[in-house]
Amino acid sequence: MDQQLRYTLVLKVYGEDKIFGPGIAELLEKIDCVHSIRKATLEMGMAYSKAWSIIKTAETSLGFPLLSSTTGGAGGGGAVLTDRGRQFLLSYRKFETIVHDFADEIFMEMFGAQA
């Protein structure tokens, strides 16, 4: 049986350790939409403590905050992306798109008859 060939490509940004990848990008995008870390983690099925851990690790490695958050209370808490956090996320997504587009082109060039 002939099978349709495909590939996967996952882009991760490293310093000494992994700093940023598709998981944290999705988390930040969800936080940006719902303005809440807790709501974003519930939508993703991710533990709140894990979300904070990966955000803090990324912030420490990058040297700037990705989020600005306020603790809950009478007015409720919330979280928003910082300007630098938003720019880093947008740069990551743009890089990801460019690399995937190039990879798609090369994949078709190399495996086009089988893909």
C-alpha atoms as a PDB file:
ATOM      1  CA  MET A   1       0.000   0.000   0.000  1.00  0.00           C
ATOM      2  CA  ASP A   2       1.270   3.466  -0.870  1.00  0.00           C
ATOM      3  CA  GLN A   3       1.557   5.764   2.098  1.00  0.00           C
ATOM      4  CA  GLN A   4       1.430   9.541   2.006  1.00  0.00           C
ATOM      5  CA  LEU A   5       4.719  10.833   3.389  1.00  0.00           C
ATOM      6  CA  ARG A   6       4.726  13.641   5.925  1.00  0.00           C
ATOM      7  CA  TYR A   7       7.124  15.131   8.426  1.00  0.00           C
ATOM      8  CA  THR A   8       7.055  16.960  11.697  1.00  0.00           C
ATOM      9  CA  LEU A   9       9.163  19.893  12.716  1.00  0.00           C
ATOM     10  CA  VAL A  10       9.073  21.355  16.220  1.00  0.00           C
ATOM     11  CA  LEU A  11      11.033  24.528  16.899  1.00  0.00           C
ATOM     12  CA  LYS A  12      12.414  25.151  20.349  1.00  0.00           C
ATOM     13  CA  VAL A  13      14.596  28.061  21.464  1.00  0.00           C
ATOM     14  CA  TYR A  14      17.447  27.170  23.806  1.00  0.00           C
ATOM     15  CA  GLY A  15      19.864  29.018  26.014  1.00  0.00           C
ATOM     16  CA  GLU A  16      21.573  26.621  28.389  1.00  0.00           C
ATOM     17  CA  ASP A  17      18.212  24.846  28.646  1.00  0.00           C
ATOM     18  CA  LYS A  18      14.987  24.954  26.652  1.00  0.00           C
ATOM     19  CA  ILE A  19      13.535  28.445  26.940  1.00  0.00           C
ATOM     20  CA  PHE A  20      10.676  28.620  24.489  1.00  0.00           C
ATOM     21  CA  GLY A  21       8.699  26.330  22.233  1.00  0.00           C
ATOM     22  CA  PRO A  22       5.211  25.630  20.942  1.00  0.00           C
ATOM     23  CA  GLY A  23       3.801  24.815  24.389  1.00  0.00           C
ATOM     24  CA  ILE A  24       4.709  28.091  26.060  1.00  0.00           C
ATOM     25  CA  ALA A  25       3.748  29.972  22.888  1.00  0.00           C
ATOM     26  CA  GLU A  26       0.263  28.439  23.039  1.00  0.00           C
ATOM     27  CA  LEU A  27       0.050  29.165  26.772  1.00  0.00           C
ATOM     28  CA  LEU A  28       0.945  32.829  26.259  1.00  0.00           C
ATOM     29  CA  GLU A  29      -1.554  33.133  23.396  1.00  0.00           C
ATOM     30  CA  LYS A  30      -4.309  31.690  25.592  1.00  0.00           C
ATOM     31  CA  ILE A  31      -3.358  33.991  28.480  1.00  0.00           C
ATOM     32  CA  ASP A  32      -3.472  36.892  26.029  1.00  0.00           C
ATOM     33  CA  CYS A  33      -7.029  35.908  25.041  1.00  0.00           C
ATOM     34  CA  VAL A  34      -8.501  35.153  28.468  1.00  0.00           C
ATOM     35  CA  HIS A  35      -6.288  37.446  30.609  1.00  0.00           C
ATOM     36  CA  SER A  36      -5.875  34.710  33.182  1.00  0.00           C
ATOM     37  CA  ILE A  37      -3.181  32.111  33.784  1.00  0.00           C
ATOM     38  CA  ARG A  38      -5.633  29.836  35.580  1.00  0.00           C
ATOM     39  CA  LYS A  39      -8.231  29.949  32.777  1.00  0.00           C
ATOM     40  CA  ALA A  40      -5.528  29.375  30.156  1.00  0.00           C
ATOM     41  CA  THR A  41      -4.180  26.345  32.011  1.00  0.00           C
ATOM     42  CA  LEU A  42      -7.680  24.901  32.398  1.00  0.00           C
ATOM     43  CA  GLU A  43      -8.268  25.255  28.643  1.00  0.00           C
ATOM     44  CA  MET A  44      -4.970  23.512  27.940  1.00  0.00           C
ATOM     45  CA  GLY A  45      -5.326  20.810  30.585  1.00  0.00           C
ATOM     46  CA  MET A  46      -2.070  22.003  32.142  1.00  0.00           C
ATOM     47  CA  ALA A  47      -1.287  22.243  35.836  1.00  0.00           C
ATOM     48  CA  TYR A  48      -1.203  25.846  37.070  1.00  0.00           C
ATOM     49  CA  SER A  49       2.097  25.166  38.865  1.00  0.00           C
ATOM     50  CA  LYS A  50       3.645  23.815  35.649  1.00  0.00           C
ATOM     51  CA  ALA A  51       2.554  26.919  33.746  1.00  0.00           C
ATOM     52  CA  TRP A  52       4.156  29.198  36.321  1.00  0.00           C
ATOM     53  CA  SER A  53       7.297  27.090  36.298  1.00  0.00           C
ATOM     54  CA  ILE A  54       7.811  27.246  32.534  1.00  0.00           C
ATOM     55  CA  ILE A  55       6.963  30.956  32.429  1.00  0.00           C
ATOM     56  CA  LYS A  56       9.419  31.763  35.245  1.00  0.00           C
ATOM     57  CA  THR A  57      12.147  29.601  33.653  1.00  0.00           C
ATOM     58  CA  ALA A  58      11.688  31.403  30.326  1.00  0.00           C
ATOM     59  CA  GLU A  59      11.645  34.833  31.982  1.00  0.00           C
ATOM     60  CA  THR A  60      14.808  34.078  33.938  1.00  0.00           C
ATOM     61  CA  SER A  61      16.621  32.778  30.855  1.00  0.00           C
ATOM     62  CA  LEU A  62      15.444  35.635  28.619  1.00  0.00           C
ATOM     63  CA  GLY A  63      16.130  38.303  31.218  1.00  0.00           C
ATOM     64  CA  PHE A  64      12.753  40.015  30.949  1.00  0.00           C
ATOM     65  CA  PRO A  65       9.172  39.351  32.079  1.00  0.00           C
ATOM     66  CA  LEU A  66       6.765  37.782  29.613  1.00  0.00           C
ATOM     67  CA  LEU A  67       3.702  38.551  31.731  1.00  0.00           C
ATOM     68  CA  SER A  68       2.431  41.225  34.004  1.00  0.00           C
ATOM     69  CA  SER A  69       0.027  39.722  36.511  1.00  0.00           C
ATOM     70  CA  THR A  70      -2.107  40.897  39.389  1.00  0.00           C
ATOM     71  CA  THR A  71      -3.211  38.685  42.260  1.00  0.00           C
ATOM     72  CA  GLY A  72      -6.901  37.954  42.735  1.00  0.00           C
ATOM     73  CA  GLY A  73      -8.972  39.781  45.271  1.00  0.00           C
ATOM     74  CA  ALA A  74     -12.150  41.841  45.265  1.00  0.00           C
ATOM     75  CA  GLY A  75     -11.528  43.009  41.697  1.00  0.00           C
ATOM     76  CA  GLY A  76     -10.134  39.653  40.606  1.00  0.00           C
ATOM     77  CA  GLY A  77      -6.657  38.992  39.288  1.00  0.00           C
ATOM     78  CA  GLY A  78      -5.411  38.791  35.780  1.00  0.00           C
ATOM     79  CA  ALA A  79      -2.440  38.520  33.484  1.00  0.00           C
ATOM     80  CA  VAL A  80      -1.365  40.260  30.298  1.00  0.00           C
ATOM     81  CA  LEU A  81       1.662  39.932  28.076  1.00  0.00           C
ATOM     82  CA  THR A  82       4.317  42.561  28.529  1.00  0.00           C
ATOM     83  CA  ASP A  83       5.364  44.463  25.408  1.00  0.00           C
ATOM     84  CA  ARG A  84       8.620  42.497  25.249  1.00  0.00           C
ATOM     85  CA  GLY A  85       6.771  39.246  25.898  1.00  0.00           C
ATOM     86  CA  ARG A  86       4.350  39.969  23.060  1.00  0.00           C
ATOM     87  CA  GLN A  87       7.208  40.895  20.713  1.00  0.00           C
ATOM     88  CA  PHE A  88       9.137  37.721  21.587  1.00  0.00           C
ATOM     89  CA  LEU A  89       6.017  35.602  21.013  1.00  0.00           C
ATOM     90  CA  LEU A  90       5.355  37.306  17.658  1.00  0.00           C
ATOM     91  CA  SER A  91       9.001  36.839  16.624  1.00  0.00           C
ATOM     92  CA  TYR A  92       8.868  33.162  17.576  1.00  0.00           C
ATOM     93  CA  ARG A  93       5.651  32.622  15.589  1.00  0.00           C
ATOM     94  CA  LYS A  94       7.077  34.487  12.570  1.00  0.00           C
ATOM     95  CA  PHE A  95      10.296  32.426  12.745  1.00  0.00           C
ATOM     96  CA  GLU A  96       8.207  29.266  13.036  1.00  0.00           C
ATOM     97  CA  THR A  97       6.153  30.189   9.943  1.00  0.00           C
ATOM     98  CA  ILE A  98       9.216  31.019   7.860  1.00  0.00           C
ATOM     99  CA  VAL A  99      11.019  27.812   8.837  1.00  0.00           C
ATOM    100  CA  HIS A 100       7.923  25.654   8.228  1.00  0.00           C
ATOM    101  CA  ASP A 101       7.311  27.267   4.825  1.00  0.00           C
ATOM    102  CA  PHE A 102      10.917  26.623   3.834  1.00  0.00           C
ATOM    103  CA  ALA A 103      10.776  23.067   5.191  1.00  0.00           C
ATOM    104  CA  ASP A 104       7.561  22.388   3.237  1.00  0.00           C
ATOM    105  CA  GLU A 105       9.247  23.601   0.063  1.00  0.00           C
ATOM    106  CA  ILE A 106      12.357  21.469   0.602  1.00  0.00           C
ATOM    107  CA  PHE A 107      10.279  18.440   1.632  1.00  0.00           C
ATOM    108  CA  MET A 108       8.301  18.643  -1.618  1.00  0.00           C
ATOM    109  CA  GLU A 109      11.534  19.077  -3.556  1.00  0.00           C
ATOM    110  CA  MET A 110      13.089  16.016  -1.929  1.00  0.00           C
ATOM    111  CA  PHE A 111      10.038  13.746  -1.588  1.00  0.00           C
ATOM    112  CA  GLY A 112       7.453  15.336  -3.881  1.00  0.00           C
ATOM    113  CA  ALA A 113       6.685  12.231  -5.889  1.00  0.00           C
ATOM    114  CA  GLN A 114       6.060  10.282  -2.690  1.00  0.00           C
ATOM    115  CA  ALA A 115       4.424  13.069  -0.624  1.00  0.00           C
END
